[in-house]
């Protein structure tokens, strides 16, 4: 199996045409649309303009749901119910993309766990997964650097109880305390949910300030990438800060995996 090297749109913001053009010019294999930086329009004509460009590229697309201002597991029903409806709306917007995935967070921005409800998180994630399945959209839950989803057993429970798949963020995993302050290998860290991984966010590590660091070589992440190929995980999102960084890392990956 050969991995797909995927461009994230996080650095292009609302200029979705520049992301498509760069991906095509530099021979990326797909696009991962980060909806924290670009919101899909509710207006059907404006949404059609985006869909026409994205689908017209011929590149497969997957999506990273907004997470800045929504929280499926919030203890305040106004917040959690709004988040659920909002993400259902996005599934309706994105179901025109064949075999697409919607990746999301629970516990974004290091929200205090006292502001969350475990039961609400499980219930809402379960409902969203079922809604996505009915529309042909696979819902994936991402591991974060802190909180519930930084604990492999808790992330595995959330995914299995709800039916969600998993997005492995390598930089989050390597940046969390269990990895940085112990001898745990990343391959062992992901074991509780490894069989459910469908996407990878690929970069060296996330800093305390939240910056994604470009790998200079594959010494730190090569072994986990090899293991993910064994699991059949081929959607590799090079989740870096700008186009030149992503192009350099794609070339680094091609040297080993193509």
C-alpha atoms as a PDB file:
ATOM      1  CA  UNK A   1       0.000   0.000   0.000  1.00  0.00           C
ATOM      2  CA  UNK A   2       1.173   3.492  -0.857  1.00  0.00           C
ATOM      3  CA  UNK A   3       0.085   6.399   1.350  1.00  0.00           C
ATOM      4  CA  UNK A   4      -1.658   9.462  -0.004  1.00  0.00           C
ATOM      5  CA  UNK A   5       0.199  12.681   0.776  1.00  0.00           C
ATOM      6  CA  UNK A   6      -2.501  15.226   1.585  1.00  0.00           C
ATOM      7  CA  UNK A   7      -2.382  19.016   1.764  1.00  0.00           C
ATOM      8  CA  UNK A   8      -4.134  20.749   4.652  1.00  0.00           C
ATOM      9  CA  UNK A   9      -5.834  24.034   3.781  1.00  0.00           C
ATOM     10  CA  UNK A  10      -5.175  25.618   7.180  1.00  0.00           C
ATOM     11  CA  UNK A  11      -2.656  28.113   5.748  1.00  0.00           C
ATOM     12  CA  UNK A  12      -4.833  29.224   2.833  1.00  0.00           C
ATOM     13  CA  UNK A  13      -7.797  30.378   4.928  1.00  0.00           C
ATOM     14  CA  UNK A  14     -10.734  31.428   2.793  1.00  0.00           C
ATOM     15  CA  UNK A  15      -8.701  31.336  -0.432  1.00  0.00           C
ATOM     16  CA  UNK A  16      -9.686  27.806  -1.331  1.00  0.00           C
ATOM     17  CA  UNK A  17      -8.574  28.189  -4.938  1.00  0.00           C
ATOM     18  CA  UNK A  18      -4.966  28.721  -3.846  1.00  0.00           C
ATOM     19  CA  UNK A  19      -5.045  25.458  -1.888  1.00  0.00           C
ATOM     20  CA  UNK A  20      -6.376  23.547  -4.888  1.00  0.00           C
ATOM     21  CA  UNK A  21      -3.854  25.153  -7.232  1.00  0.00           C
ATOM     22  CA  UNK A  22      -0.899  24.436  -4.964  1.00  0.00           C
ATOM     23  CA  UNK A  23      -1.999  20.847  -4.401  1.00  0.00           C
ATOM     24  CA  UNK A  24      -2.326  20.216  -8.140  1.00  0.00           C
ATOM     25  CA  UNK A  25       0.887  22.007  -9.084  1.00  0.00           C
ATOM     26  CA  UNK A  26       2.890  20.116  -6.459  1.00  0.00           C
ATOM     27  CA  UNK A  27       1.221  16.751  -7.046  1.00  0.00           C
ATOM     28  CA  UNK A  28      -0.415  16.198  -3.680  1.00  0.00           C
ATOM     29  CA  UNK A  29      -2.822  13.268  -3.551  1.00  0.00           C
ATOM     30  CA  UNK A  30      -5.693  14.913  -1.709  1.00  0.00           C
ATOM     31  CA  UNK A  31      -7.024  17.903   0.211  1.00  0.00           C
ATOM     32  CA  UNK A  32      -7.934  18.097   3.872  1.00  0.00           C
ATOM     33  CA  UNK A  33     -10.160  21.136   4.354  1.00  0.00           C
ATOM     34  CA  UNK A  34      -9.735  22.752   7.768  1.00  0.00           C
ATOM     35  CA  UNK A  35     -13.056  24.432   8.508  1.00  0.00           C
ATOM     36  CA  UNK A  36     -11.678  26.445  11.411  1.00  0.00           C
ATOM     37  CA  UNK A  37      -9.995  28.546   8.720  1.00  0.00           C
ATOM     38  CA  UNK A  38     -12.665  28.347   6.013  1.00  0.00           C
ATOM     39  CA  UNK A  39     -16.390  28.051   6.649  1.00  0.00           C
ATOM     40  CA  UNK A  40     -18.462  26.391   3.936  1.00  0.00           C
ATOM     41  CA  UNK A  41     -21.165  28.919   2.928  1.00  0.00           C
ATOM     42  CA  UNK A  42     -24.792  28.339   3.843  1.00  0.00           C
ATOM     43  CA  UNK A  43     -25.824  30.210   0.687  1.00  0.00           C
ATOM     44  CA  UNK A  44     -26.287  27.513  -1.942  1.00  0.00           C
ATOM     45  CA  UNK A  45     -24.770  29.562  -4.771  1.00  0.00           C
ATOM     46  CA  UNK A  46     -21.615  30.377  -2.806  1.00  0.00           C
ATOM     47  CA  UNK A  47     -21.366  26.802  -1.572  1.00  0.00           C
ATOM     48  CA  UNK A  48     -21.701  25.520  -5.140  1.00  0.00           C
ATOM     49  CA  UNK A  49     -18.749  27.690  -6.197  1.00  0.00           C
ATOM     50  CA  UNK A  50     -16.583  26.023  -3.548  1.00  0.00           C
ATOM     51  CA  UNK A  51     -17.830  22.517  -4.297  1.00  0.00           C
ATOM     52  CA  UNK A  52     -17.270  22.976  -8.029  1.00  0.00           C
ATOM     53  CA  UNK A  53     -13.632  23.983  -7.452  1.00  0.00           C
ATOM     54  CA  UNK A  54     -12.949  21.254  -4.884  1.00  0.00           C
ATOM     55  CA  UNK A  55     -14.622  18.441  -6.822  1.00  0.00           C
ATOM     56  CA  UNK A  56     -13.344  19.817 -10.118  1.00  0.00           C
ATOM     57  CA  UNK A  57      -9.773  19.391  -8.917  1.00  0.00           C
ATOM     58  CA  UNK A  58     -10.165  15.638  -9.186  1.00  0.00           C
ATOM     59  CA  UNK A  59      -8.503  15.290  -5.777  1.00  0.00           C
ATOM     60  CA  UNK A  60     -10.297  13.473  -2.960  1.00  0.00           C
ATOM     61  CA  UNK A  61     -11.372  15.723  -0.092  1.00  0.00           C
ATOM     62  CA  UNK A  62     -11.834  15.145   3.610  1.00  0.00           C
ATOM     63  CA  UNK A  63     -12.739  17.733   6.217  1.00  0.00           C
ATOM     64  CA  UNK A  64     -11.690  18.949   9.655  1.00  0.00           C
ATOM     65  CA  UNK A  65     -14.758  20.279  11.457  1.00  0.00           C
ATOM     66  CA  UNK A  66     -14.734  23.689  13.143  1.00  0.00           C
ATOM     67  CA  UNK A  67     -13.657  23.341  16.763  1.00  0.00           C
ATOM     68  CA  UNK A  68     -12.893  26.871  17.919  1.00  0.00           C
ATOM     69  CA  UNK A  69     -16.406  27.769  19.034  1.00  0.00           C
ATOM     70  CA  UNK A  70     -18.290  24.471  19.397  1.00  0.00           C
ATOM     71  CA  UNK A  71     -18.091  21.562  21.833  1.00  0.00           C
ATOM     72  CA  UNK A  72     -20.126  18.354  21.515  1.00  0.00           C
ATOM     73  CA  UNK A  73     -19.425  17.381  25.110  1.00  0.00           C
ATOM     74  CA  UNK A  74     -20.157  20.682  26.815  1.00  0.00           C
ATOM     75  CA  UNK A  75     -22.093  20.443  30.068  1.00  0.00           C
ATOM     76  CA  UNK A  76     -24.214  23.456  29.085  1.00  0.00           C
ATOM     77  CA  UNK A  77     -26.990  22.061  26.852  1.00  0.00           C
ATOM     78  CA  UNK A  78     -27.127  25.282  24.834  1.00  0.00           C
ATOM     79  CA  UNK A  79     -23.541  24.766  23.749  1.00  0.00           C
ATOM     80  CA  UNK A  80     -23.594  20.995  23.194  1.00  0.00           C
ATOM     81  CA  UNK A  81     -26.954  20.950  21.396  1.00  0.00           C
ATOM     82  CA  UNK A  82     -25.887  23.830  19.155  1.00  0.00           C
ATOM     83  CA  UNK A  83     -22.655  21.985  18.364  1.00  0.00           C
ATOM     84  CA  UNK A  84     -24.559  18.848  17.402  1.00  0.00           C
ATOM     85  CA  UNK A  85     -26.912  20.725  15.087  1.00  0.00           C
ATOM     86  CA  UNK A  86     -24.043  22.695  13.593  1.00  0.00           C
ATOM     87  CA  UNK A  87     -22.044  19.566  12.788  1.00  0.00           C
ATOM     88  CA  UNK A  88     -25.123  17.892  11.301  1.00  0.00           C
ATOM     89  CA  UNK A  89     -25.456  20.932   9.047  1.00  0.00           C
ATOM     90  CA  UNK A  90     -21.871  20.420   7.917  1.00  0.00           C
ATOM     91  CA  UNK A  91     -22.553  16.781   7.136  1.00  0.00           C
ATOM     92  CA  UNK A  92     -25.427  17.955   4.930  1.00  0.00           C
ATOM     93  CA  UNK A  93     -23.082  20.418   3.194  1.00  0.00           C
ATOM     94  CA  UNK A  94     -20.329  17.862   2.632  1.00  0.00           C
ATOM     95  CA  UNK A  95     -22.221  14.717   1.672  1.00  0.00           C
ATOM     96  CA  UNK A  96     -21.749  15.611  -2.016  1.00  0.00           C
ATOM     97  CA  UNK A  97     -18.089  14.618  -1.632  1.00  0.00           C
ATOM     98  CA  UNK A  98     -17.734  10.879  -2.275  1.00  0.00           C
ATOM     99  CA  UNK A  99     -16.540   8.688   0.614  1.00  0.00           C
ATOM    100  CA  UNK A 100     -15.584  11.743   2.651  1.00  0.00           C
ATOM    101  CA  UNK A 101     -14.726  11.967   6.339  1.00  0.00           C
ATOM    102  CA  UNK A 102     -15.458  14.632   8.940  1.00  0.00           C
ATOM    103  CA  UNK A 103     -12.834  14.862  11.677  1.00  0.00           C
ATOM    104  CA  UNK A 104     -13.718  16.524  14.998  1.00  0.00           C
ATOM    105  CA  UNK A 105     -12.459  17.292  18.491  1.00  0.00           C
ATOM    106  CA  UNK A 106     -13.985  16.711  21.893  1.00  0.00           C
ATOM    107  CA  UNK A 107     -12.291  18.883  24.518  1.00  0.00           C
ATOM    108  CA  UNK A 108     -10.802  21.539  22.243  1.00  0.00           C
ATOM    109  CA  UNK A 109      -8.604  24.410  23.386  1.00  0.00           C
ATOM    110  CA  UNK A 110      -7.742  22.654  26.666  1.00  0.00           C
ATOM    111  CA  UNK A 111     -11.249  23.290  28.000  1.00  0.00           C
ATOM    112  CA  UNK A 112     -11.465  22.430  31.729  1.00  0.00           C
ATOM    113  CA  UNK A 113     -13.019  19.001  32.188  1.00  0.00           C
ATOM    114  CA  UNK A 114     -15.358  20.537  34.789  1.00  0.00           C
ATOM    115  CA  UNK A 115     -17.099  22.273  31.875  1.00  0.00           C
ATOM    116  CA  UNK A 116     -17.708  18.975  30.069  1.00  0.00           C
ATOM    117  CA  UNK A 117     -20.158  16.106  30.473  1.00  0.00           C
ATOM    118  CA  UNK A 118     -18.982  12.596  29.594  1.00  0.00           C
ATOM    119  CA  UNK A 119     -22.525  11.307  29.098  1.00  0.00           C
ATOM    120  CA  UNK A 120     -23.359  14.238  26.831  1.00  0.00           C
ATOM    121  CA  UNK A 121     -20.204  13.651  24.794  1.00  0.00           C
ATOM    122  CA  UNK A 122     -21.001   9.968  24.264  1.00  0.00           C
ATOM    123  CA  UNK A 123     -24.651  10.640  23.427  1.00  0.00           C
ATOM    124  CA  UNK A 124     -23.986  13.456  20.979  1.00  0.00           C
ATOM    125  CA  UNK A 125     -21.082  11.715  19.275  1.00  0.00           C
ATOM    126  CA  UNK A 126     -23.195   8.585  18.839  1.00  0.00           C
ATOM    127  CA  UNK A 127     -26.011  10.595  17.278  1.00  0.00           C
ATOM    128  CA  UNK A 128     -23.642  12.452  14.966  1.00  0.00           C
ATOM    129  CA  UNK A 129     -21.926   9.254  13.813  1.00  0.00           C
ATOM    130  CA  UNK A 130     -25.290   7.705  12.951  1.00  0.00           C
ATOM    131  CA  UNK A 131     -26.357  10.853  11.111  1.00  0.00           C
ATOM    132  CA  UNK A 132     -23.122  10.881   9.137  1.00  0.00           C
ATOM    133  CA  UNK A 133     -23.417   7.212   8.249  1.00  0.00           C
ATOM    134  CA  UNK A 134     -26.893   7.800   6.843  1.00  0.00           C
ATOM    135  CA  UNK A 135     -25.460  10.555   4.629  1.00  0.00           C
ATOM    136  CA  UNK A 136     -22.351   8.630   3.566  1.00  0.00           C
ATOM    137  CA  UNK A 137     -19.970  10.672   5.745  1.00  0.00           C
ATOM    138  CA  UNK A 138     -17.578   8.926   8.149  1.00  0.00           C
ATOM    139  CA  UNK A 139     -17.159  10.766  11.450  1.00  0.00           C
ATOM    140  CA  UNK A 140     -13.701  10.567  13.059  1.00  0.00           C
ATOM    141  CA  UNK A 141     -12.565  11.645  16.532  1.00  0.00           C
ATOM    142  CA  UNK A 142      -9.080  13.096  16.920  1.00  0.00           C
ATOM    143  CA  UNK A 143      -6.688  12.586  19.816  1.00  0.00           C
ATOM    144  CA  UNK A 144      -5.695  15.837  21.515  1.00  0.00           C
ATOM    145  CA  UNK A 145      -2.662  16.805  23.574  1.00  0.00           C
ATOM    146  CA  UNK A 146      -4.676  17.174  26.789  1.00  0.00           C
ATOM    147  CA  UNK A 147      -8.013  16.005  28.165  1.00  0.00           C
ATOM    148  CA  UNK A 148     -10.075  12.872  27.597  1.00  0.00           C
ATOM    149  CA  UNK A 149      -8.843  12.097  24.097  1.00  0.00           C
ATOM    150  CA  UNK A 150      -5.196  12.287  25.178  1.00  0.00           C
ATOM    151  CA  UNK A 151      -5.883   9.153  27.252  1.00  0.00           C
ATOM    152  CA  UNK A 152      -5.871   6.222  24.822  1.00  0.00           C
ATOM    153  CA  UNK A 153      -8.349   4.123  26.778  1.00  0.00           C
ATOM    154  CA  UNK A 154     -10.843   6.992  26.986  1.00  0.00           C
ATOM    155  CA  UNK A 155     -10.508   7.804  23.314  1.00  0.00           C
ATOM    156  CA  UNK A 156     -10.993   4.128  22.476  1.00  0.00           C
ATOM    157  CA  UNK A 157     -14.150   4.008  24.604  1.00  0.00           C
ATOM    158  CA  UNK A 158     -15.595   7.143  23.005  1.00  0.00           C
ATOM    159  CA  UNK A 159     -14.940   5.762  19.528  1.00  0.00           C
ATOM    160  CA  UNK A 160     -16.232   2.264  20.199  1.00  0.00           C
ATOM    161  CA  UNK A 161     -19.325   3.389  22.126  1.00  0.00           C
ATOM    162  CA  UNK A 162     -20.323   5.861  19.422  1.00  0.00           C
ATOM    163  CA  UNK A 163     -19.161   3.990  16.334  1.00  0.00           C
ATOM    164  CA  UNK A 164     -16.729   6.770  15.400  1.00  0.00           C
ATOM    165  CA  UNK A 165     -13.448   6.167  13.631  1.00  0.00           C
ATOM    166  CA  UNK A 166     -10.219   7.867  14.773  1.00  0.00           C
ATOM    167  CA  UNK A 167      -7.839  10.480  13.404  1.00  0.00           C
ATOM    168  CA  UNK A 168      -4.353  10.057  14.833  1.00  0.00           C
ATOM    169  CA  UNK A 169      -2.583  13.378  15.295  1.00  0.00           C
ATOM    170  CA  UNK A 170       1.065  12.382  15.664  1.00  0.00           C
ATOM    171  CA  UNK A 171       2.125  15.794  16.964  1.00  0.00           C
ATOM    172  CA  UNK A 172      -0.552  15.771  19.660  1.00  0.00           C
ATOM    173  CA  UNK A 173       0.384  12.247  20.714  1.00  0.00           C
ATOM    174  CA  UNK A 174       4.091  13.035  20.899  1.00  0.00           C
ATOM    175  CA  UNK A 175       3.402  16.289  22.742  1.00  0.00           C
ATOM    176  CA  UNK A 176       1.209  14.879  25.484  1.00  0.00           C
ATOM    177  CA  UNK A 177       2.666  14.177  28.910  1.00  0.00           C
ATOM    178  CA  UNK A 178       2.370  10.409  28.644  1.00  0.00           C
ATOM    179  CA  UNK A 179       4.801  10.413  25.747  1.00  0.00           C
ATOM    180  CA  UNK A 180       7.136  13.257  26.716  1.00  0.00           C
ATOM    181  CA  UNK A 181       7.570  12.221  30.358  1.00  0.00           C
ATOM    182  CA  UNK A 182       7.776   8.448  30.049  1.00  0.00           C
ATOM    183  CA  UNK A 183       9.280   5.649  28.012  1.00  0.00           C
ATOM    184  CA  UNK A 184       5.992   4.756  26.307  1.00  0.00           C
ATOM    185  CA  UNK A 185       6.442   4.097  22.602  1.00  0.00           C
ATOM    186  CA  UNK A 186       3.974   5.760  20.289  1.00  0.00           C
ATOM    187  CA  UNK A 187       3.127   2.399  18.744  1.00  0.00           C
ATOM    188  CA  UNK A 188       2.035   1.148  22.175  1.00  0.00           C
ATOM    189  CA  UNK A 189       0.301   4.406  23.053  1.00  0.00           C
ATOM    190  CA  UNK A 190      -2.125   4.116  20.129  1.00  0.00           C
ATOM    191  CA  UNK A 191      -2.793   0.390  20.594  1.00  0.00           C
ATOM    192  CA  UNK A 192      -6.243   0.751  22.259  1.00  0.00           C
ATOM    193  CA  UNK A 193      -7.698   2.439  19.158  1.00  0.00           C
ATOM    194  CA  UNK A 194      -5.241   1.554  16.391  1.00  0.00           C
ATOM    195  CA  UNK A 195      -7.732  -0.578  14.476  1.00  0.00           C
ATOM    196  CA  UNK A 196     -10.099   2.391  14.149  1.00  0.00           C
ATOM    197  CA  UNK A 197      -7.582   4.912  12.724  1.00  0.00           C
ATOM    198  CA  UNK A 198      -8.582   6.234   9.299  1.00  0.00           C
ATOM    199  CA  UNK A 199      -6.577   9.496   9.020  1.00  0.00           C
ATOM    200  CA  UNK A 200      -3.181  10.734  10.184  1.00  0.00           C
ATOM    201  CA  UNK A 201      -2.088  14.304  10.930  1.00  0.00           C
ATOM    202  CA  UNK A 202       1.603  14.210  10.189  1.00  0.00           C
ATOM    203  CA  UNK A 203       4.208  16.590  11.634  1.00  0.00           C
ATOM    204  CA  UNK A 204       7.006  16.344  14.200  1.00  0.00           C
ATOM    205  CA  UNK A 205       5.342  17.621  17.390  1.00  0.00           C
ATOM    206  CA  UNK A 206       3.006  20.330  18.657  1.00  0.00           C
ATOM    207  CA  UNK A 207       4.666  22.892  20.922  1.00  0.00           C
ATOM    208  CA  UNK A 208       3.230  24.201  24.172  1.00  0.00           C
ATOM    209  CA  UNK A 209       2.124  27.262  22.203  1.00  0.00           C
ATOM    210  CA  UNK A 210       0.302  25.066  19.684  1.00  0.00           C
ATOM    211  CA  UNK A 211       2.690  25.400  16.740  1.00  0.00           C
ATOM    212  CA  UNK A 212       3.166  22.417  14.456  1.00  0.00           C
ATOM    213  CA  UNK A 213       6.865  21.699  13.916  1.00  0.00           C
ATOM    214  CA  UNK A 214       8.186  20.552  10.550  1.00  0.00           C
ATOM    215  CA  UNK A 215      10.205  17.305  10.686  1.00  0.00           C
ATOM    216  CA  UNK A 216      13.734  17.621   9.323  1.00  0.00           C
ATOM    217  CA  UNK A 217      13.934  13.849   8.896  1.00  0.00           C
ATOM    218  CA  UNK A 218      11.856  10.774   9.734  1.00  0.00           C
ATOM    219  CA  UNK A 219      13.853   9.614  12.757  1.00  0.00           C
ATOM    220  CA  UNK A 220      11.144  10.683  15.219  1.00  0.00           C
ATOM    221  CA  UNK A 221       8.021   9.626  13.314  1.00  0.00           C
ATOM    222  CA  UNK A 222       9.162   7.032  10.780  1.00  0.00           C
ATOM    223  CA  UNK A 223       8.418   3.993  12.944  1.00  0.00           C
ATOM    224  CA  UNK A 224       4.831   5.052  13.630  1.00  0.00           C
ATOM    225  CA  UNK A 225       4.277   5.773   9.930  1.00  0.00           C
ATOM    226  CA  UNK A 226       5.523   2.288   9.087  1.00  0.00           C
ATOM    227  CA  UNK A 227       3.158   0.803  11.657  1.00  0.00           C
ATOM    228  CA  UNK A 228       0.209   2.790  10.295  1.00  0.00           C
ATOM    229  CA  UNK A 229       0.848   1.398   6.830  1.00  0.00           C
ATOM    230  CA  UNK A 230       0.657  -2.072   8.364  1.00  0.00           C
ATOM    231  CA  UNK A 231      -2.790  -1.098   9.684  1.00  0.00           C
ATOM    232  CA  UNK A 232      -3.809   0.057   6.203  1.00  0.00           C
ATOM    233  CA  UNK A 233      -3.960   3.764   7.065  1.00  0.00           C
ATOM    234  CA  UNK A 234      -3.130   5.677   3.896  1.00  0.00           C
ATOM    235  CA  UNK A 235      -4.628   9.193   4.326  1.00  0.00           C
ATOM    236  CA  UNK A 236      -1.629  11.208   5.561  1.00  0.00           C
ATOM    237  CA  UNK A 237      -2.373  14.885   6.125  1.00  0.00           C
ATOM    238  CA  UNK A 238       0.817  16.940   6.230  1.00  0.00           C
ATOM    239  CA  UNK A 239      -0.574  19.338   8.833  1.00  0.00           C
ATOM    240  CA  UNK A 240       1.945  22.157   8.770  1.00  0.00           C
ATOM    241  CA  UNK A 241       1.817  25.924   8.813  1.00  0.00           C
ATOM    242  CA  UNK A 242       2.418  26.927   5.192  1.00  0.00           C
ATOM    243  CA  UNK A 243       2.700  25.553   1.682  1.00  0.00           C
ATOM    244  CA  UNK A 244       6.529  25.439   1.446  1.00  0.00           C
ATOM    245  CA  UNK A 245       6.784  23.376   4.648  1.00  0.00           C
ATOM    246  CA  UNK A 246       4.213  20.910   3.354  1.00  0.00           C
ATOM    247  CA  UNK A 247       5.983  20.588   0.011  1.00  0.00           C
ATOM    248  CA  UNK A 248       9.319  19.878   1.700  1.00  0.00           C
ATOM    249  CA  UNK A 249       7.833  17.180   3.914  1.00  0.00           C
ATOM    250  CA  UNK A 250       6.034  15.604   0.963  1.00  0.00           C
ATOM    251  CA  UNK A 251       9.394  15.287  -0.791  1.00  0.00           C
ATOM    252  CA  UNK A 252      10.861  13.760   2.385  1.00  0.00           C
ATOM    253  CA  UNK A 253       8.068  11.187   2.470  1.00  0.00           C
ATOM    254  CA  UNK A 254       8.313  10.396  -1.240  1.00  0.00           C
ATOM    255  CA  UNK A 255      11.970   9.496  -0.799  1.00  0.00           C
ATOM    256  CA  UNK A 256      10.988   6.680   1.568  1.00  0.00           C
ATOM    257  CA  UNK A 257       7.484   5.626   0.591  1.00  0.00           C
ATOM    258  CA  UNK A 258       7.352   5.919  -3.210  1.00  0.00           C
END
